[in-house]
């Protein structure tokens, strides 16, 4: 079976992540020898490792104030995050809905409600 994949538009707008997500979902269905996305989904340990790797590299570039590195590592992390969502059956709209719920409260308040802030 041959899949015809559309290239995601170069123009960044509010639909970009959704279009990229759809493209990656199609790539996930391809034989894992020709699709990195498919390989990652079939190997959760590798996907978890890549999320950790990209996160660490982003942190390092942030600490070094390396704007180009931050851009590159953010793109890598976003790609791997989308693959995690696909592997777990999470639609981007579920993330947007959660962010929308949090919009009405401060980040400090939201973290306290989840027990994420530790008092010193």
N, C-alpha and C. Protein backbone atom coordinates (compact mmCIF):
# COMPACT_ATOMS: atom_id res chain seq x y z
N UNK A 1 0.84 -1.17 0.00
CA UNK A 1 0.00 0.00 0.00
C UNK A 1 0.89 1.24 0.00
N UNK A 2 0.60 2.18 -0.86
CA UNK A 2 1.37 3.41 -0.95
C UNK A 2 0.53 4.56 -0.41
N UNK A 3 1.12 5.34 0.47
CA UNK A 3 0.44 6.50 1.02
C UNK A 3 0.95 7.74 0.31
N UNK A 4 0.03 8.58 -0.10
CA UNK A 4 0.42 9.87 -0.65
C UNK A 4 0.31 10.88 0.48
N UNK A 5 1.44 11.45 0.86
CA UNK A 5 1.47 12.38 1.98
C UNK A 5 1.61 13.80 1.47
N UNK A 6 0.77 14.65 2.00
CA UNK A 6 0.89 16.07 1.66
C UNK A 6 1.96 16.68 2.55
N UNK A 7 2.69 17.60 1.98
CA UNK A 7 3.68 18.33 2.76
C UNK A 7 2.94 19.41 3.55
N UNK A 8 3.31 19.55 4.81
CA UNK A 8 2.69 20.56 5.65
C UNK A 8 3.07 21.93 5.11
N UNK A 9 2.09 22.82 5.08
CA UNK A 9 2.34 24.17 4.58
C UNK A 9 3.47 24.82 5.37
N UNK A 10 4.27 25.61 4.67
CA UNK A 10 5.36 26.31 5.31
C UNK A 10 4.85 27.48 6.15
N UNK A 11 3.68 28.00 5.83
CA UNK A 11 3.12 29.13 6.56
C UNK A 11 2.68 28.68 7.95
N UNK A 12 3.16 29.37 8.95
CA UNK A 12 2.79 29.05 10.32
C UNK A 12 1.50 29.79 10.66
N UNK A 13 0.50 29.04 11.05
CA UNK A 13 -0.74 29.61 11.53
C UNK A 13 -1.35 28.67 12.54
N UNK A 14 -2.55 28.96 12.99
CA UNK A 14 -3.15 28.15 14.06
C UNK A 14 -3.45 26.73 13.63
N UNK A 15 -3.40 26.44 12.35
CA UNK A 15 -3.66 25.09 11.86
C UNK A 15 -2.40 24.26 11.66
N UNK A 16 -1.24 24.87 11.82
CA UNK A 16 0.01 24.18 11.52
C UNK A 16 0.19 22.89 12.33
N UNK A 17 0.02 22.98 13.65
CA UNK A 17 0.23 21.79 14.49
C UNK A 17 -0.77 20.71 14.12
N UNK A 18 -2.00 21.11 13.85
CA UNK A 18 -3.03 20.14 13.46
C UNK A 18 -2.66 19.46 12.15
N UNK A 19 -2.19 20.22 11.17
CA UNK A 19 -1.79 19.64 9.89
C UNK A 19 -0.57 18.73 10.05
N UNK A 20 0.40 19.15 10.85
CA UNK A 20 1.58 18.33 11.09
C UNK A 20 1.18 17.05 11.81
N UNK A 21 0.28 17.16 12.78
CA UNK A 21 -0.21 16.00 13.51
C UNK A 21 -0.85 14.98 12.55
N UNK A 22 -1.68 15.46 11.64
CA UNK A 22 -2.33 14.57 10.66
C UNK A 22 -1.29 13.89 9.77
N UNK A 23 -0.30 14.63 9.34
CA UNK A 23 0.76 14.08 8.50
C UNK A 23 1.52 12.99 9.26
N UNK A 24 1.85 13.25 10.51
CA UNK A 24 2.58 12.27 11.30
C UNK A 24 1.74 11.03 11.59
N UNK A 25 0.43 11.21 11.76
CA UNK A 25 -0.45 10.05 11.95
C UNK A 25 -0.41 9.14 10.73
N UNK A 26 -0.37 9.73 9.55
CA UNK A 26 -0.27 8.94 8.31
C UNK A 26 1.08 8.25 8.23
N UNK A 27 2.12 8.97 8.60
CA UNK A 27 3.47 8.37 8.57
C UNK A 27 3.59 7.23 9.57
N UNK A 28 2.85 7.32 10.66
CA UNK A 28 2.90 6.27 11.68
C UNK A 28 2.36 4.94 11.14
N UNK A 29 1.53 4.99 10.10
CA UNK A 29 0.94 3.80 9.51
C UNK A 29 1.86 3.11 8.50
N UNK A 30 2.91 3.81 8.11
CA UNK A 30 3.84 3.30 7.09
C UNK A 30 4.76 2.26 7.71
N UNK A 31 5.25 1.35 6.88
CA UNK A 31 6.23 0.34 7.32
C UNK A 31 7.35 1.03 8.09
N UNK A 32 7.69 0.50 9.25
CA UNK A 32 8.66 1.19 10.09
C UNK A 32 10.07 1.28 9.52
N UNK A 33 10.37 0.59 8.45
CA UNK A 33 11.69 0.71 7.84
C UNK A 33 11.86 2.01 7.07
N UNK A 34 10.75 2.63 6.68
CA UNK A 34 10.86 3.85 5.90
C UNK A 34 10.28 5.07 6.61
N UNK A 35 9.82 4.91 7.82
CA UNK A 35 9.22 6.02 8.56
C UNK A 35 9.78 6.08 9.98
N UNK A 36 10.49 7.14 10.27
CA UNK A 36 11.04 7.34 11.61
C UNK A 36 9.90 7.46 12.62
N UNK A 37 8.83 8.13 12.24
CA UNK A 37 7.67 8.27 13.11
C UNK A 37 7.12 6.90 13.49
N UNK A 38 6.99 6.03 12.51
CA UNK A 38 6.50 4.68 12.75
C UNK A 38 7.46 3.91 13.67
N UNK A 39 8.75 4.07 13.44
CA UNK A 39 9.74 3.40 14.29
C UNK A 39 9.60 3.83 15.74
N UNK A 40 9.41 5.13 15.94
CA UNK A 40 9.28 5.65 17.31
C UNK A 40 8.03 5.12 17.99
N UNK A 41 6.93 5.09 17.27
CA UNK A 41 5.67 4.61 17.86
C UNK A 41 5.77 3.14 18.22
N UNK A 42 6.48 2.38 17.43
CA UNK A 42 6.62 0.95 17.70
C UNK A 42 7.69 0.65 18.76
N UNK A 43 8.42 1.69 19.17
CA UNK A 43 9.46 1.52 20.17
C UNK A 43 9.33 2.60 21.24
N UNK A 44 8.41 2.43 22.20
CA UNK A 44 8.18 3.44 23.22
C UNK A 44 9.42 3.81 24.03
N UNK A 45 10.33 2.86 24.24
CA UNK A 45 11.55 3.17 24.98
C UNK A 45 12.41 4.19 24.21
N UNK A 46 12.50 4.00 22.90
CA UNK A 46 13.25 4.95 22.06
C UNK A 46 12.57 6.31 22.07
N UNK A 47 11.26 6.32 21.95
CA UNK A 47 10.52 7.59 21.96
C UNK A 47 10.73 8.32 23.28
N UNK A 48 10.65 7.61 24.39
CA UNK A 48 10.88 8.23 25.70
C UNK A 48 12.30 8.78 25.79
N UNK A 49 13.25 8.02 25.29
CA UNK A 49 14.65 8.47 25.29
C UNK A 49 14.80 9.75 24.48
N UNK A 50 14.15 9.81 23.32
CA UNK A 50 14.25 10.99 22.45
C UNK A 50 13.62 12.22 23.12
N UNK A 51 12.50 12.03 23.83
CA UNK A 51 11.88 13.15 24.54
C UNK A 51 12.86 13.68 25.59
N UNK A 52 13.49 12.78 26.32
CA UNK A 52 14.47 13.20 27.33
C UNK A 52 15.66 13.90 26.71
N UNK A 53 16.16 13.34 25.62
CA UNK A 53 17.31 13.92 24.91
C UNK A 53 17.01 15.33 24.42
N UNK A 54 15.88 15.47 23.73
CA UNK A 54 15.54 16.78 23.16
C UNK A 54 15.27 17.80 24.26
N UNK A 55 14.64 17.37 25.35
CA UNK A 55 14.38 18.27 26.48
C UNK A 55 15.69 18.75 27.09
N UNK A 56 16.62 17.82 27.29
CA UNK A 56 17.92 18.17 27.87
C UNK A 56 18.69 19.12 26.96
N UNK A 57 18.66 18.84 25.66
CA UNK A 57 19.37 19.71 24.72
C UNK A 57 18.75 21.11 24.70
N UNK A 58 17.44 21.19 24.82
CA UNK A 58 16.77 22.49 24.88
C UNK A 58 17.19 23.25 26.14
N UNK A 59 17.24 22.56 27.25
CA UNK A 59 17.65 23.19 28.51
C UNK A 59 19.08 23.72 28.39
N UNK A 60 19.97 22.91 27.84
CA UNK A 60 21.36 23.33 27.68
C UNK A 60 21.46 24.57 26.81
N UNK A 61 20.75 24.57 25.69
CA UNK A 61 20.79 25.75 24.80
C UNK A 61 20.17 26.97 25.47
N UNK A 62 19.16 26.76 26.29
CA UNK A 62 18.56 27.88 27.03
C UNK A 62 19.57 28.47 28.00
N UNK A 63 20.24 27.61 28.76
CA UNK A 63 21.23 28.07 29.72
C UNK A 63 22.37 28.81 29.02
N UNK A 64 22.74 28.32 27.84
CA UNK A 64 23.82 28.95 27.06
C UNK A 64 23.35 30.18 26.29
N UNK A 65 22.05 30.48 26.38
CA UNK A 65 21.47 31.61 25.67
C UNK A 65 21.68 31.47 24.15
N UNK A 66 21.57 30.24 23.66
CA UNK A 66 21.79 29.93 22.25
C UNK A 66 20.44 29.90 21.52
N UNK A 67 20.08 31.03 20.96
CA UNK A 67 18.76 31.18 20.33
C UNK A 67 18.57 30.18 19.18
N UNK A 68 19.57 30.02 18.33
CA UNK A 68 19.46 29.07 17.21
C UNK A 68 19.27 27.65 17.73
N UNK A 69 20.04 27.30 18.74
CA UNK A 69 19.89 25.97 19.34
C UNK A 69 18.51 25.78 19.94
N UNK A 70 18.00 26.81 20.61
CA UNK A 70 16.66 26.73 21.21
C UNK A 70 15.60 26.50 20.12
N UNK A 71 15.73 27.21 19.02
CA UNK A 71 14.78 27.03 17.91
C UNK A 71 14.84 25.61 17.39
N UNK A 72 16.04 25.11 17.13
CA UNK A 72 16.20 23.76 16.59
C UNK A 72 15.72 22.69 17.56
N UNK A 73 16.10 22.80 18.82
CA UNK A 73 15.70 21.80 19.81
C UNK A 73 14.20 21.87 20.11
N UNK A 74 13.63 23.07 20.06
CA UNK A 74 12.18 23.20 20.25
C UNK A 74 11.43 22.48 19.14
N UNK A 75 11.91 22.63 17.91
CA UNK A 75 11.28 21.93 16.79
C UNK A 75 11.39 20.42 16.97
N UNK A 76 12.57 19.95 17.40
CA UNK A 76 12.76 18.51 17.64
C UNK A 76 11.84 18.03 18.75
N UNK A 77 11.76 18.79 19.84
CA UNK A 77 10.92 18.40 20.97
C UNK A 77 9.45 18.40 20.58
N UNK A 78 9.02 19.39 19.82
CA UNK A 78 7.63 19.45 19.38
C UNK A 78 7.29 18.24 18.51
N UNK A 79 8.18 17.88 17.60
CA UNK A 79 7.96 16.69 16.77
C UNK A 79 7.78 15.46 17.64
N UNK A 80 8.70 15.24 18.57
CA UNK A 80 8.62 14.05 19.42
C UNK A 80 7.41 14.08 20.34
N UNK A 81 7.02 15.26 20.78
CA UNK A 81 5.81 15.39 21.60
C UNK A 81 4.57 14.99 20.79
N UNK A 82 4.50 15.43 19.55
CA UNK A 82 3.37 15.04 18.69
C UNK A 82 3.34 13.52 18.49
N UNK A 83 4.51 12.91 18.36
CA UNK A 83 4.57 11.45 18.20
C UNK A 83 4.07 10.77 19.48
N UNK A 84 4.41 11.32 20.64
CA UNK A 84 3.89 10.78 21.91
C UNK A 84 2.36 10.85 21.90
N UNK A 85 1.82 12.00 21.51
CA UNK A 85 0.35 12.14 21.48
C UNK A 85 -0.26 11.08 20.57
N UNK A 86 0.32 10.90 19.39
CA UNK A 86 -0.20 9.90 18.45
C UNK A 86 -0.14 8.52 19.08
N UNK A 87 0.99 8.19 19.70
CA UNK A 87 1.15 6.85 20.27
C UNK A 87 0.15 6.60 21.40
N UNK A 88 -0.30 7.65 22.07
CA UNK A 88 -1.23 7.51 23.18
C UNK A 88 -2.69 7.79 22.79
N UNK A 89 -2.91 8.08 21.49
CA UNK A 89 -4.27 8.34 21.03
C UNK A 89 -4.82 9.67 21.52
N UNK A 90 -3.94 10.64 21.72
CA UNK A 90 -4.34 11.97 22.18
C UNK A 90 -4.43 12.90 20.99
N UNK A 91 -5.55 13.57 20.84
CA UNK A 91 -5.74 14.55 19.78
C UNK A 91 -5.27 15.91 20.28
N UNK A 92 -4.63 16.71 19.44
CA UNK A 92 -4.19 18.04 19.89
C UNK A 92 -5.31 18.86 20.55
N UNK A 93 -6.54 18.67 20.10
CA UNK A 93 -7.66 19.44 20.68
C UNK A 93 -7.79 19.18 22.18
N UNK A 94 -7.43 17.98 22.62
CA UNK A 94 -7.49 17.68 24.06
C UNK A 94 -6.48 18.55 24.83
N UNK A 95 -5.35 18.80 24.22
CA UNK A 95 -4.33 19.66 24.84
C UNK A 95 -4.82 21.10 24.85
N UNK A 96 -5.38 21.54 23.71
CA UNK A 96 -5.88 22.92 23.62
C UNK A 96 -7.00 23.13 24.64
N UNK A 97 -7.87 22.12 24.82
CA UNK A 97 -8.95 22.23 25.80
C UNK A 97 -8.39 22.38 27.22
N UNK A 98 -7.36 21.61 27.53
CA UNK A 98 -6.74 21.71 28.86
C UNK A 98 -6.11 23.09 29.05
N UNK A 99 -5.41 23.57 28.04
CA UNK A 99 -4.82 24.91 28.13
C UNK A 99 -5.90 25.98 28.28
N UNK A 100 -7.00 25.79 27.59
CA UNK A 100 -8.10 26.73 27.67
C UNK A 100 -8.67 26.78 29.09
N UNK A 101 -8.81 25.61 29.73
CA UNK A 101 -9.30 25.57 31.11
C UNK A 101 -8.37 26.33 32.05
N UNK A 102 -7.09 26.24 31.79
CA UNK A 102 -6.10 26.87 32.67
C UNK A 102 -5.99 28.37 32.45
N UNK A 103 -6.51 28.85 31.35
CA UNK A 103 -6.39 30.26 30.97
C UNK A 103 -7.02 31.20 32.00
N UNK A 104 -8.03 30.73 32.71
CA UNK A 104 -8.76 31.60 33.63
C UNK A 104 -8.08 31.74 35.00
N UNK A 105 -6.96 31.05 35.22
CA UNK A 105 -6.26 31.18 36.49
C UNK A 105 -4.78 31.37 36.27
N UNK A 106 -4.13 31.92 37.26
CA UNK A 106 -2.69 32.14 37.14
C UNK A 106 -1.96 30.80 37.19
N UNK A 107 -0.78 30.77 36.64
CA UNK A 107 0.04 29.56 36.67
C UNK A 107 0.37 29.14 38.09
N UNK A 108 0.59 30.12 38.96
CA UNK A 108 0.90 29.82 40.36
C UNK A 108 -0.31 29.15 41.02
N UNK A 109 -1.48 29.70 40.78
CA UNK A 109 -2.72 29.13 41.34
C UNK A 109 -2.95 27.72 40.79
N UNK A 110 -2.76 27.54 39.50
CA UNK A 110 -2.98 26.25 38.87
C UNK A 110 -2.04 25.20 39.46
N UNK A 111 -0.77 25.55 39.64
CA UNK A 111 0.20 24.61 40.18
C UNK A 111 -0.12 24.28 41.65
N UNK A 112 -0.55 25.26 42.43
CA UNK A 112 -0.94 25.00 43.82
C UNK A 112 -2.09 24.01 43.87
N UNK A 113 -3.05 24.18 42.96
CA UNK A 113 -4.21 23.28 42.92
C UNK A 113 -3.80 21.86 42.57
N UNK A 114 -2.70 21.70 41.86
CA UNK A 114 -2.20 20.37 41.52
C UNK A 114 -1.13 19.90 42.50
N UNK A 115 -0.82 20.74 43.50
CA UNK A 115 0.20 20.37 44.47
C UNK A 115 1.61 20.40 43.91
N UNK A 116 1.84 21.23 42.87
CA UNK A 116 3.13 21.24 42.20
C UNK A 116 4.11 22.27 42.78
N UNK A 117 3.61 23.22 43.59
CA UNK A 117 4.51 24.23 44.15
C UNK A 117 4.89 23.79 45.56
N UNK A 118 6.16 23.78 45.82
CA UNK A 118 6.66 23.37 47.13
C UNK A 118 7.02 24.63 47.90
N UNK A 119 6.41 24.80 49.05
CA UNK A 119 6.73 25.95 49.90
C UNK A 119 8.08 25.73 50.55
N UNK A 120 8.87 26.78 50.68
CA UNK A 120 10.19 26.67 51.33
C UNK A 120 10.13 27.27 52.70
